[in-house]
Amino acid sequence: DHLFGSNIPIQGEADAIIMIGRMTDGS
């Protein structure tokens, strides 16, 4: 759901979704 913009068609077409997170708060 954090994909930018129109995420519904992206979610529907993709066979797999890989999300890469990064913490910038020093934790």
PDB file of all heavy atoms in Angstrom:
ATOM      1  N   ASP A   1       0.827  -1.212   0.000  1.00  0.00           N
ATOM      2  CA  ASP A   1       0.000   0.000   0.000  1.00  0.00           C
ATOM      3  C   ASP A   1       0.860   1.260   0.000  1.00  0.00           C
ATOM      4  O   ASP A   1       0.355   2.358  -0.230  1.00  0.00           O
ATOM      5  CB  ASP A   1      -0.916   0.018   1.231  1.00  0.00           C
ATOM      6  CG  ASP A   1      -1.986  -1.059   1.168  1.00  0.00           C
ATOM      7  OD1 ASP A   1      -2.344  -1.455   0.047  1.00  0.00           O
ATOM      8  OD2 ASP A   1      -2.437  -1.513   2.239  1.00  0.00           O
ATOM      9  N   HIS A   2       2.156   1.110   0.264  1.00  0.00           N
ATOM     10  CA  HIS A   2       3.049   2.267   0.284  1.00  0.00           C
ATOM     11  C   HIS A   2       3.629   2.581  -1.098  1.00  0.00           C
ATOM     12  O   HIS A   2       4.466   3.477  -1.217  1.00  0.00           O
ATOM     13  CB  HIS A   2       4.195   2.027   1.280  1.00  0.00           C
ATOM     14  CG  HIS A   2       3.751   2.051   2.709  1.00  0.00           C
ATOM     15  ND1 HIS A   2       4.073   1.064   3.606  1.00  0.00           N
ATOM     16  CD2 HIS A   2       2.997   2.949   3.388  1.00  0.00           C
ATOM     17  CE1 HIS A   2       3.541   1.348   4.793  1.00  0.00           C
ATOM     18  NE2 HIS A   2       2.894   2.495   4.683  1.00  0.00           N
ATOM     19  N   LEU A   3       3.210   1.851  -2.123  1.00  0.00           N
ATOM     20  CA  LEU A   3       3.668   2.170  -3.480  1.00  0.00           C
ATOM     21  C   LEU A   3       3.079   3.503  -3.920  1.00  0.00           C
ATOM     22  O   LEU A   3       1.895   3.779  -3.696  1.00  0.00           O
ATOM     23  CB  LEU A   3       3.252   1.065  -4.462  1.00  0.00           C
ATOM     24  CG  LEU A   3       3.978  -0.273  -4.301  1.00  0.00           C
ATOM     25  CD1 LEU A   3       3.294  -1.348  -5.124  1.00  0.00           C
ATOM     26  CD2 LEU A   3       5.439  -0.141  -4.698  1.00  0.00           C
ATOM     27  N   PHE A   4       3.892   4.319  -4.528  1.00  0.00           N
ATOM     28  CA  PHE A   4       3.483   5.672  -4.917  1.00  0.00           C
ATOM     29  C   PHE A   4       2.401   5.644  -5.997  1.00  0.00           C
ATOM     30  O   PHE A   4       2.441   4.851  -6.932  1.00  0.00           O
ATOM     31  CB  PHE A   4       4.693   6.442  -5.445  1.00  0.00           C
ATOM     32  CG  PHE A   4       4.352   7.742  -6.111  1.00  0.00           C
ATOM     33  CD1 PHE A   4       3.979   8.853  -5.359  1.00  0.00           C
ATOM     34  CD2 PHE A   4       4.382   7.867  -7.492  1.00  0.00           C
ATOM     35  CE1 PHE A   4       3.662  10.049  -5.968  1.00  0.00           C
ATOM     36  CE2 PHE A   4       4.068   9.055  -8.112  1.00  0.00           C
ATOM     37  CZ  PHE A   4       3.706  10.157  -7.352  1.00  0.00           C
ATOM     38  N   GLY A   5       1.434   6.544  -5.860  1.00  0.00           N
ATOM     39  CA  GLY A   5       0.441   6.755  -6.912  1.00  0.00           C
ATOM     40  C   GLY A   5      -0.628   5.683  -6.951  1.00  0.00           C
ATOM     41  O   GLY A   5      -1.122   5.229  -5.929  1.00  0.00           O
ATOM     42  N   SER A   6      -0.942   5.255  -8.157  1.00  0.00           N
ATOM     43  CA  SER A   6      -2.027   4.302  -8.362  1.00  0.00           C
ATOM     44  C   SER A   6      -1.532   2.898  -8.052  1.00  0.00           C
ATOM     45  O   SER A   6      -1.078   2.180  -8.938  1.00  0.00           O
ATOM     46  CB  SER A   6      -2.521   4.393  -9.811  1.00  0.00           C
ATOM     47  OG  SER A   6      -3.456   3.388 -10.076  1.00  0.00           O
ATOM     48  N   ASN A   7      -1.621   2.492  -6.779  1.00  0.00           N
ATOM     49  CA  ASN A   7      -1.028   1.200  -6.424  1.00  0.00           C
ATOM     50  C   ASN A   7      -1.906   0.000  -6.787  1.00  0.00           C
ATOM     51  O   ASN A   7      -1.416  -1.120  -6.860  1.00  0.00           O
ATOM     52  CB  ASN A   7      -0.683   1.152  -4.923  1.00  0.00           C
ATOM     53  CG  ASN A   7      -1.867   1.515  -4.030  1.00  0.00           C
ATOM     54  OD1 ASN A   7      -3.004   1.239  -4.369  1.00  0.00           O
ATOM     55  ND2 ASN A   7      -1.582   2.151  -2.900  1.00  0.00           N
ATOM     56  N   ILE A   8      -3.213   0.213  -7.020  1.00  0.00           N
ATOM     57  CA  ILE A   8      -4.099  -0.917  -7.303  1.00  0.00           C
ATOM     58  C   ILE A   8      -3.697  -1.652  -8.581  1.00  0.00           C
ATOM     59  O   ILE A   8      -3.559  -2.870  -8.580  1.00  0.00           O
ATOM     60  CB  ILE A   8      -5.571  -0.470  -7.367  1.00  0.00           C
ATOM     61  CG1 ILE A   8      -6.004   0.115  -6.017  1.00  0.00           C
ATOM     62  CG2 ILE A   8      -6.478  -1.642  -7.749  1.00  0.00           C
ATOM     63  CD1 ILE A   8      -5.871  -0.852  -4.861  1.00  0.00           C
ATOM     64  N   PRO A   9      -3.511  -0.955  -9.726  1.00  0.00           N
ATOM     65  CA  PRO A   9      -3.091  -1.680 -10.926  1.00  0.00           C
ATOM     66  C   PRO A   9      -1.718  -2.326 -10.787  1.00  0.00           C
ATOM     67  O   PRO A   9      -1.462  -3.369 -11.365  1.00  0.00           O
ATOM     68  CB  PRO A   9      -3.077  -0.600 -12.013  1.00  0.00           C
ATOM     69  CG  PRO A   9      -3.003   0.699 -11.302  1.00  0.00           C
ATOM     70  CD  PRO A   9      -3.741   0.469 -10.018  1.00  0.00           C
ATOM     71  N   ILE A  10      -0.836  -1.719  -9.989  1.00  0.00           N
ATOM     72  CA  ILE A  10       0.489  -2.304  -9.776  1.00  0.00           C
ATOM     73  C   ILE A  10       0.339  -3.609  -9.004  1.00  0.00           C
ATOM     74  O   ILE A  10       0.907  -4.640  -9.360  1.00  0.00           O
ATOM     75  CB  ILE A  10       1.403  -1.338  -9.007  1.00  0.00           C
ATOM     76  CG1 ILE A  10       1.529  -0.012  -9.759  1.00  0.00           C
ATOM     77  CG2 ILE A  10       2.768  -1.951  -8.778  1.00  0.00           C
ATOM     78  CD1 ILE A  10       2.265   1.058  -8.975  1.00  0.00           C
ATOM     79  N   GLN A  11      -0.440  -3.569  -7.933  1.00  0.00           N
ATOM     80  CA  GLN A  11      -0.650  -4.761  -7.117  1.00  0.00           C
ATOM     81  C   GLN A  11      -1.289  -5.873  -7.931  1.00  0.00           C
ATOM     82  O   GLN A  11      -0.961  -7.050  -7.774  1.00  0.00           O
ATOM     83  CB  GLN A  11      -1.532  -4.427  -5.916  1.00  0.00           C
ATOM     84  CG  GLN A  11      -0.887  -3.462  -4.927  1.00  0.00           C
ATOM     85  CD  GLN A  11      -1.850  -3.057  -3.823  1.00  0.00           C
ATOM     86  OE1 GLN A  11      -2.915  -3.636  -3.669  1.00  0.00           O
ATOM     87  NE2 GLN A  11      -1.482  -2.051  -3.048  1.00  0.00           N
ATOM     88  N   GLY A  12      -2.207  -5.499  -8.840  1.00  0.00           N
ATOM     89  CA  GLY A  12      -2.911  -6.498  -9.632  1.00  0.00           C
ATOM     90  C   GLY A  12      -2.037  -7.169 -10.670  1.00  0.00           C
ATOM     91  O   GLY A  12      -2.157  -8.370 -10.914  1.00  0.00           O
ATOM     92  N   GLU A  13      -1.126  -6.412 -11.291  1.00  0.00           N
ATOM     93  CA  GLU A  13      -0.318  -6.955 -12.385  1.00  0.00           C
ATOM     94  C   GLU A  13       0.900  -7.730 -11.886  1.00  0.00           C
ATOM     95  O   GLU A  13       1.357  -8.659 -12.547  1.00  0.00           O
ATOM     96  CB  GLU A  13       0.147  -5.827 -13.316  1.00  0.00           C
ATOM     97  CG  GLU A  13      -0.980  -5.106 -14.048  1.00  0.00           C
ATOM     98  CD  GLU A  13      -1.696  -5.994 -15.052  1.00  0.00           C
ATOM     99  OE1 GLU A  13      -1.223  -7.113 -15.324  1.00  0.00           O
ATOM    100  OE2 GLU A  13      -2.748  -5.587 -15.551  1.00  0.00           O
ATOM    101  N   ALA A  14       1.451  -7.350 -10.736  1.00  0.00           N
ATOM    102  CA  ALA A  14       2.699  -7.952 -10.268  1.00  0.00           C
ATOM    103  C   ALA A  14       2.489  -9.369  -9.760  1.00  0.00           C
ATOM    104  O   ALA A  14       1.510  -9.667  -9.078  1.00  0.00           O
ATOM    105  CB  ALA A  14       3.304  -7.087  -9.167  1.00  0.00           C
ATOM    106  N   ASP A  15       3.438 -10.251 -10.093  1.00  0.00           N
ATOM    107  CA  ASP A  15       3.432 -11.601  -9.525  1.00  0.00           C
ATOM    108  C   ASP A  15       4.036 -11.579  -8.122  1.00  0.00           C
ATOM    109  O   ASP A  15       3.682 -12.402  -7.284  1.00  0.00           O
ATOM    110  CB  ASP A  15       4.252 -12.547 -10.407  1.00  0.00           C
ATOM    111  CG  ASP A  15       3.590 -12.785 -11.754  1.00  0.00           C
ATOM    112  OD1 ASP A  15       2.473 -13.324 -11.768  1.00  0.00           O
ATOM    113  OD2 ASP A  15       4.179 -12.427 -12.783  1.00  0.00           O
ATOM    114  N   ALA A  16       4.963 -10.658  -7.915  1.00  0.00           N
ATOM    115  CA  ALA A  16       5.557 -10.503  -6.587  1.00  0.00           C
ATOM    116  C   ALA A  16       5.920  -9.043  -6.391  1.00  0.00           C
ATOM    117  O   ALA A  16       6.276  -8.347  -7.341  1.00  0.00           O
ATOM    118  CB  ALA A  16       6.797 -11.385  -6.435  1.00  0.00           C
ATOM    119  N   ILE A  17       5.802  -8.587  -5.153  1.00  0.00           N
ATOM    120  CA  ILE A  17       6.180  -7.217  -4.804  1.00  0.00           C
ATOM    121  C   ILE A  17       7.202  -7.290  -3.669  1.00  0.00           C
ATOM    122  O   ILE A  17       6.979  -7.962  -2.657  1.00  0.00           O
ATOM    123  CB  ILE A  17       4.966  -6.381  -4.371  1.00  0.00           C
ATOM    124  CG1 ILE A  17       4.001  -6.218  -5.560  1.00  0.00           C
ATOM    125  CG2 ILE A  17       5.398  -5.014  -3.853  1.00  0.00           C
ATOM    126  CD1 ILE A  17       2.716  -5.477  -5.225  1.00  0.00           C
ATOM    127  N   ILE A  18       8.317  -6.610  -3.874  1.00  0.00           N
ATOM    128  CA  ILE A  18       9.386  -6.555  -2.871  1.00  0.00           C
ATOM    129  C   ILE A  18       9.521  -5.108  -2.412  1.00  0.00           C
ATOM    130  O   ILE A  18       9.767  -4.222  -3.231  1.00  0.00           O
ATOM    131  CB  ILE A  18      10.730  -7.040  -3.457  1.00  0.00           C
ATOM    132  CG1 ILE A  18      10.618  -8.476  -3.988  1.00  0.00           C
ATOM    133  CG2 ILE A  18      11.839  -6.933  -2.416  1.00  0.00           C
ATOM    134  CD1 ILE A  18      11.819  -8.919  -4.799  1.00  0.00           C
ATOM    135  N   MET A  19       9.340  -4.858  -1.144  1.00  0.00           N
ATOM    136  CA  MET A  19       9.475  -3.512  -0.598  1.00  0.00           C
ATOM    137  C   MET A  19      10.777  -3.433   0.200  1.00  0.00           C
ATOM    138  O   MET A  19      11.113  -4.338   0.972  1.00  0.00           O
ATOM    139  CB  MET A  19       8.292  -3.173   0.303  1.00  0.00           C
ATOM    140  CG  MET A  19       6.936  -3.271  -0.382  1.00  0.00           C
ATOM    141  SD  MET A  19       6.743  -2.150  -1.799  1.00  0.00           S
ATOM    142  CE  MET A  19       6.795  -0.549  -0.968  1.00  0.00           C
ATOM    143  N   ILE A  20      11.522  -2.330  -0.014  1.00  0.00           N
ATOM    144  CA  ILE A  20      12.793  -2.128   0.685  1.00  0.00           C
ATOM    145  C   ILE A  20      12.673  -0.894   1.574  1.00  0.00           C
ATOM    146  O   ILE A  20      12.478   0.220   1.087  1.00  0.00           O
ATOM    147  CB  ILE A  20      13.965  -1.931  -0.310  1.00  0.00           C
ATOM    148  CG1 ILE A  20      14.003  -3.079  -1.325  1.00  0.00           C
ATOM    149  CG2 ILE A  20      15.283  -1.836   0.446  1.00  0.00           C
ATOM    150  CD1 ILE A  20      15.064  -2.894  -2.396  1.00  0.00           C
ATOM    151  N   GLY A  21      12.758  -1.097   2.881  1.00  0.00           N
ATOM    152  CA  GLY A  21      12.637   0.000   3.829  1.00  0.00           C
ATOM    153  C   GLY A  21      13.993   0.438   4.377  1.00  0.00           C
ATOM    154  O   GLY A  21      14.959  -0.325   4.367  1.00  0.00           O
ATOM    155  N   ARG A  22      14.037   1.688   4.840  1.00  0.00           N
ATOM    156  CA  ARG A  22      15.268   2.236   5.432  1.00  0.00           C
ATOM    157  C   ARG A  22      14.890   3.176   6.568  1.00  0.00           C
ATOM    158  O   ARG A  22      14.063   4.077   6.391  1.00  0.00           O
ATOM    159  CB  ARG A  22      16.068   2.983   4.369  1.00  0.00           C
ATOM    160  CG  ARG A  22      17.316   3.663   4.911  1.00  0.00           C
ATOM    161  CD  ARG A  22      17.932   4.579   3.878  1.00  0.00           C
ATOM    162  NE  ARG A  22      19.140   5.230   4.393  1.00  0.00           N
ATOM    163  CZ  ARG A  22      19.767   6.234   3.786  1.00  0.00           C
ATOM    164  NH1 ARG A  22      19.296   6.707   2.644  1.00  0.00           N
ATOM    165  NH2 ARG A  22      20.839   6.762   4.317  1.00  0.00           N
ATOM    166  N   MET A  23      15.487   2.984   7.723  1.00  0.00           N
ATOM    167  CA  MET A  23      15.227   3.856   8.861  1.00  0.00           C
ATOM    168  C   MET A  23      16.281   4.964   8.884  1.00  0.00           C
ATOM    169  O   MET A  23      17.488   4.692   8.886  1.00  0.00           O
ATOM    170  CB  MET A  23      15.278   3.055  10.163  1.00  0.00           C
ATOM    171  CG  MET A  23      14.313   1.871  10.207  1.00  0.00           C
ATOM    172  SD  MET A  23      12.585   2.373  10.048  1.00  0.00           S
ATOM    173  CE  MET A  23      12.344   3.168  11.639  1.00  0.00           C
ATOM    174  N   THR A  24      15.841   6.207   8.893  1.00  0.00           N
ATOM    175  CA  THR A  24      16.769   7.349   8.895  1.00  0.00           C
ATOM    176  C   THR A  24      16.711   8.119  10.214  1.00  0.00           C
ATOM    177  O   THR A  24      17.199   9.237  10.303  1.00  0.00           O
ATOM    178  CB  THR A  24      16.431   8.301   7.725  1.00  0.00           C
ATOM    179  OG1 THR A  24      15.087   8.765   7.881  1.00  0.00           O
ATOM    180  CG2 THR A  24      16.597   7.602   6.396  1.00  0.00           C
ATOM    181  N   ASP A  25      16.092   7.508  11.228  1.00  0.00           N
ATOM    182  CA  ASP A  25      15.950   8.202  12.516  1.00  0.00           C
ATOM    183  C   ASP A  25      17.072   7.847  13.495  1.00  0.00           C
ATOM    184  O   ASP A  25      16.998   8.193  14.678  1.00  0.00           O
ATOM    185  CB  ASP A  25      14.593   7.864  13.139  1.00  0.00           C
ATOM    186  CG  ASP A  25      14.401   6.372  13.340  1.00  0.00           C
ATOM    187  OD1 ASP A  25      15.338   5.602  13.010  1.00  0.00           O
ATOM    188  OD2 ASP A  25      13.319   5.969  13.813  1.00  0.00           O
ATOM    189  N   GLY A  26      18.098   7.145  13.010  1.00  0.00           N
ATOM    190  CA  GLY A  26      19.212   6.782  13.873  1.00  0.00           C
ATOM    191  C   GLY A  26      19.012   5.487  14.636  1.00  0.00           C
ATOM    192  O   GLY A  26      19.881   5.080  15.409  1.00  0.00           O
ATOM    193  N   SER A  27      17.877   4.829  14.465  1.00  0.00           N
ATOM    194  CA  SER A  27      17.595   3.602  15.213  1.00  0.00           C
ATOM    195  C   SER A  27      18.293   2.384  14.616  1.00  0.00           C
ATOM    196  O   SER A  27      18.337   1.326  15.242  1.00  0.00           O
ATOM    197  CB  SER A  27      16.085   3.345  15.255  1.00  0.00           C
ATOM    198  OG  SER A  27      15.567   3.171  13.924  1.00  0.00           O
TER     199      SER A  27
END
